């Protein structure tokens, strides 16, 4: 599945799944340390916001 499809659906995507499918970002649905509920970068796990 393409990453763009995840963006439009806000589907929960684990980091492991993102790594296995070479996705640049993933979405946990949980807030980051700064309280953002946003996608995270697969390599560094930082949130996009």
PDB file of N, CA and C in Angstrom:
ATOM      1  N   UNK A   1       0.842  -1.182   0.000  1.00  0.00           N
ATOM      2  CA  UNK A   1       0.000   0.000   0.000  1.00  0.00           C
ATOM      3  C   UNK A   1       0.882   1.239   0.000  1.00  0.00           C
ATOM      4  N   UNK A   2       0.514   2.243  -0.778  1.00  0.00           N
ATOM      5  CA  UNK A   2       1.298   3.463  -0.852  1.00  0.00           C
ATOM      6  C   UNK A   2       1.113   4.320   0.388  1.00  0.00           C
ATOM      7  N   UNK A   3       2.140   5.089   0.717  1.00  0.00           N
ATOM      8  CA  UNK A   3       2.086   5.950   1.884  1.00  0.00           C
ATOM      9  C   UNK A   3       0.980   6.988   1.760  1.00  0.00           C
ATOM     10  N   UNK A   4       0.738   7.517   0.554  1.00  0.00           N
ATOM     11  CA  UNK A   4      -0.282   8.552   0.371  1.00  0.00           C
ATOM     12  C   UNK A   4      -1.662   8.064   0.794  1.00  0.00           C
ATOM     13  N   UNK A   5      -1.917   6.766   0.684  1.00  0.00           N
ATOM     14  CA  UNK A   5      -3.201   6.215   1.105  1.00  0.00           C
ATOM     15  C   UNK A   5      -3.334   6.285   2.621  1.00  0.00           C
ATOM     16  N   UNK A   6      -2.215   6.155   3.347  1.00  0.00           N
ATOM     17  CA  UNK A   6      -2.251   6.269   4.797  1.00  0.00           C
ATOM     18  C   UNK A   6      -2.573   7.703   5.205  1.00  0.00           C
ATOM     19  N   UNK A   7      -2.025   8.656   4.479  1.00  0.00           N
ATOM     20  CA  UNK A   7      -2.260  10.055   4.811  1.00  0.00           C
ATOM     21  C   UNK A   7      -3.740  10.400   4.762  1.00  0.00           C
ATOM     22  N   UNK A   8      -4.425   9.932   3.747  1.00  0.00           N
ATOM     23  CA  UNK A   8      -5.826  10.283   3.586  1.00  0.00           C
ATOM     24  C   UNK A   8      -6.731   9.520   4.547  1.00  0.00           C
ATOM     25  N   UNK A   9      -6.296   8.376   5.053  1.00  0.00           N
ATOM     26  CA  UNK A   9      -7.153   7.569   5.912  1.00  0.00           C
ATOM     27  C   UNK A   9      -6.831   7.699   7.402  1.00  0.00           C
ATOM     28  N   UNK A  10      -5.678   8.322   7.748  1.00  0.00           N
ATOM     29  CA  UNK A  10      -5.221   8.397   9.137  1.00  0.00           C
ATOM     30  C   UNK A  10      -5.205   7.021   9.794  1.00  0.00           C
ATOM     31  N   UNK A  11      -4.852   6.030   9.034  1.00  0.00           N
ATOM     32  CA  UNK A  11      -4.784   4.655   9.529  1.00  0.00           C
ATOM     33  C   UNK A  11      -3.582   4.495  10.456  1.00  0.00           C
ATOM     34  N   UNK A  12      -3.768   3.731  11.508  1.00  0.00           N
ATOM     35  CA  UNK A  12      -2.667   3.439  12.427  1.00  0.00           C
ATOM     36  C   UNK A  12      -1.673   2.546  11.690  1.00  0.00           C
ATOM     37  N   UNK A  13      -0.433   3.005  11.651  1.00  0.00           N
ATOM     38  CA  UNK A  13       0.637   2.277  10.974  1.00  0.00           C
ATOM     39  C   UNK A  13       1.810   2.213  11.940  1.00  0.00           C
ATOM     40  N   UNK A  14       2.222   1.020  12.288  1.00  0.00           N
ATOM     41  CA  UNK A  14       3.330   0.873  13.234  1.00  0.00           C
ATOM     42  C   UNK A  14       4.652   1.254  12.575  1.00  0.00           C
ATOM     43  N   UNK A  15       5.618   1.576  13.399  1.00  0.00           N
ATOM     44  CA  UNK A  15       6.945   1.896  12.882  1.00  0.00           C
ATOM     45  C   UNK A  15       7.553   0.668  12.200  1.00  0.00           C
ATOM     46  N   UNK A  16       7.330  -0.492  12.787  1.00  0.00           N
ATOM     47  CA  UNK A  16       7.857  -1.730  12.204  1.00  0.00           C
ATOM     48  C   UNK A  16       7.298  -1.948  10.799  1.00  0.00           C
ATOM     49  N   UNK A  17       5.997  -1.726  10.628  1.00  0.00           N
ATOM     50  CA  UNK A  17       5.368  -1.867   9.313  1.00  0.00           C
ATOM     51  C   UNK A  17       5.976  -0.861   8.338  1.00  0.00           C
ATOM     52  N   UNK A  18       6.164   0.375   8.808  1.00  0.00           N
ATOM     53  CA  UNK A  18       6.748   1.420   7.956  1.00  0.00           C
ATOM     54  C   UNK A  18       8.161   1.045   7.522  1.00  0.00           C
ATOM     55  N   UNK A  19       8.932   0.490   8.430  1.00  0.00           N
ATOM     56  CA  UNK A  19      10.297   0.061   8.102  1.00  0.00           C
ATOM     57  C   UNK A  19      10.259  -1.055   7.062  1.00  0.00           C
ATOM     58  N   UNK A  20       9.421  -2.050   7.286  1.00  0.00           N
ATOM     59  CA  UNK A  20       9.333  -3.202   6.380  1.00  0.00           C
ATOM     60  C   UNK A  20       8.853  -2.812   4.974  1.00  0.00           C
ATOM     61  N   UNK A  21       8.057  -1.748   4.881  1.00  0.00           N
ATOM     62  CA  UNK A  21       7.507  -1.337   3.591  1.00  0.00           C
ATOM     63  C   UNK A  21       8.140  -0.049   3.052  1.00  0.00           C
ATOM     64  N   UNK A  22       9.268   0.325   3.624  1.00  0.00           N
ATOM     65  CA  UNK A  22      10.021   1.511   3.192  1.00  0.00           C
ATOM     66  C   UNK A  22       9.176   2.779   3.146  1.00  0.00           C
ATOM     67  N   UNK A  23       8.345   2.968   4.147  1.00  0.00           N
ATOM     68  CA  UNK A  23       7.534   4.179   4.232  1.00  0.00           C
ATOM     69  C   UNK A  23       8.323   5.253   4.978  1.00  0.00           C
ATOM     70  N   UNK A  24       8.263   6.502   4.534  1.00  0.00           N
ATOM     71  CA  UNK A  24       9.028   7.559   5.202  1.00  0.00           C
ATOM     72  C   UNK A  24       8.436   7.980   6.540  1.00  0.00           C
ATOM     73  N   UNK A  25       7.122   7.719   6.733  1.00  0.00           N
ATOM     74  CA  UNK A  25       6.453   8.121   7.962  1.00  0.00           C
ATOM     75  C   UNK A  25       5.464   7.050   8.402  1.00  0.00           C
ATOM     76  N   UNK A  26       5.058   7.143   9.648  1.00  0.00           N
ATOM     77  CA  UNK A  26       4.058   6.232  10.197  1.00  0.00           C
ATOM     78  C   UNK A  26       3.166   7.014  11.150  1.00  0.00           C
ATOM     79  N   UNK A  27       2.058   6.429  11.595  1.00  0.00           N
ATOM     80  CA  UNK A  27       1.108   7.122  12.453  1.00  0.00           C
ATOM     81  C   UNK A  27       0.640   6.199  13.568  1.00  0.00           C
ATOM     82  N   UNK A  28       0.864   6.624  14.817  1.00  0.00           N
ATOM     83  CA  UNK A  28       0.476   5.806  15.959  1.00  0.00           C
ATOM     84  C   UNK A  28      -0.869   6.206  16.547  1.00  0.00           C
ATOM     85  N   UNK A  29      -1.289   7.441  16.289  1.00  0.00           N
ATOM     86  CA  UNK A  29      -2.517   7.947  16.891  1.00  0.00           C
ATOM     87  C   UNK A  29      -2.304   8.441  18.312  1.00  0.00           C
ATOM     88  N   UNK A  30      -1.077   8.331  18.808  1.00  0.00           N
ATOM     89  CA  UNK A  30      -0.752   8.765  20.170  1.00  0.00           C
ATOM     90  C   UNK A  30       0.020  10.082  20.113  1.00  0.00           C
ATOM     91  N   UNK A  31      -0.150  10.933  21.117  1.00  0.00           N
ATOM     92  CA  UNK A  31       0.582  12.205  21.113  1.00  0.00           C
ATOM     93  C   UNK A  31       2.085  12.008  21.331  1.00  0.00           C
ATOM     94  N   UNK A  32       2.853  12.876  20.694  1.00  0.00           N
ATOM     95  CA  UNK A  32       4.306  12.871  20.900  1.00  0.00           C
ATOM     96  C   UNK A  32       4.600  13.565  22.224  1.00  0.00           C
ATOM     97  N   UNK A  33       5.859  13.712  22.554  1.00  0.00           N
ATOM     98  CA  UNK A  33       6.262  14.337  23.812  1.00  0.00           C
ATOM     99  C   UNK A  33       5.765  15.784  23.917  1.00  0.00           C
ATOM    100  N   UNK A  34       5.528  16.422  22.758  1.00  0.00           N
ATOM    101  CA  UNK A  34       5.035  17.801  22.744  1.00  0.00           C
ATOM    102  C   UNK A  34       3.517  17.884  22.623  1.00  0.00           C
ATOM    103  N   UNK A  35       2.845  16.749  22.632  1.00  0.00           N
ATOM    104  CA  UNK A  35       1.391  16.733  22.592  1.00  0.00           C
ATOM    105  C   UNK A  35       0.774  16.711  21.210  1.00  0.00           C
ATOM    106  N   UNK A  36       1.589  16.633  20.158  1.00  0.00           N
ATOM    107  CA  UNK A  36       1.063  16.584  18.797  1.00  0.00           C
ATOM    108  C   UNK A  36       0.564  15.184  18.464  1.00  0.00           C
ATOM    109  N   UNK A  37      -0.602  15.101  17.867  1.00  0.00           N
ATOM    110  CA  UNK A  37      -1.076  13.828  17.331  1.00  0.00           C
ATOM    111  C   UNK A  37      -0.863  13.934  15.832  1.00  0.00           C
ATOM    112  N   UNK A  38       0.279  13.464  15.402  1.00  0.00           N
ATOM    113  CA  UNK A  38       0.697  13.626  14.014  1.00  0.00           C
ATOM    114  C   UNK A  38       1.533  12.427  13.586  1.00  0.00           C
ATOM    115  N   UNK A  39       1.794  12.373  12.292  1.00  0.00           N
ATOM    116  CA  UNK A  39       2.681  11.329  11.768  1.00  0.00           C
ATOM    117  C   UNK A  39       4.072  11.518  12.345  1.00  0.00           C
ATOM    118  N   UNK A  40       4.843  10.440  12.313  1.00  0.00           N
ATOM    119  CA  UNK A  40       6.219  10.478  12.780  1.00  0.00           C
ATOM    120  C   UNK A  40       7.131   9.986  11.658  1.00  0.00           C
ATOM    121  N   UNK A  41       8.349  10.508  11.647  1.00  0.00           N
ATOM    122  CA  UNK A  41       9.329  10.046  10.675  1.00  0.00           C
ATOM    123  C   UNK A  41       9.844   8.675  11.096  1.00  0.00           C
ATOM    124  N   UNK A  42       9.931   7.774  10.149  1.00  0.00           N
ATOM    125  CA  UNK A  42      10.328   6.402  10.429  1.00  0.00           C
ATOM    126  C   UNK A  42      11.760   6.304  10.953  1.00  0.00           C
ATOM    127  N   UNK A  43      12.689   7.035  10.366  1.00  0.00           N
ATOM    128  CA  UNK A  43      14.094   6.913  10.768  1.00  0.00           C
ATOM    129  C   UNK A  43      14.366   7.433  12.180  1.00  0.00           C
ATOM    130  N   UNK A  44      13.864   8.593  12.504  1.00  0.00           N
ATOM    131  CA  UNK A  44      14.222   9.234  13.777  1.00  0.00           C
ATOM    132  C   UNK A  44      13.098   9.226  14.805  1.00  0.00           C
ATOM    133  N   UNK A  45      11.915   8.802  14.433  1.00  0.00           N
ATOM    134  CA  UNK A  45      10.711   8.733  15.274  1.00  0.00           C
ATOM    135  C   UNK A  45      10.196  10.092  15.745  1.00  0.00           C
ATOM    136  N   UNK A  46      10.731  11.173  15.213  1.00  0.00           N
ATOM    137  CA  UNK A  46      10.239  12.508  15.565  1.00  0.00           C
ATOM    138  C   UNK A  46       8.910  12.774  14.868  1.00  0.00           C
ATOM    139  N   UNK A  47       8.068  13.556  15.519  1.00  0.00           N
ATOM    140  CA  UNK A  47       6.783  13.870  14.901  1.00  0.00           C
ATOM    141  C   UNK A  47       6.972  14.906  13.801  1.00  0.00           C
ATOM    142  N   UNK A  48       6.056  14.918  12.852  1.00  0.00           N
ATOM    143  CA  UNK A  48       6.144  15.794  11.691  1.00  0.00           C
ATOM    144  C   UNK A  48       5.853  17.253  12.067  1.00  0.00           C
ATOM    145  N   UNK A  49       5.006  17.482  13.069  1.00  0.00           N
ATOM    146  CA  UNK A  49       4.644  18.864  13.459  1.00  0.00           C
ATOM    147  C   UNK A  49       5.713  19.547  14.241  1.00  0.00           C
TER     148      UNK A  49
END
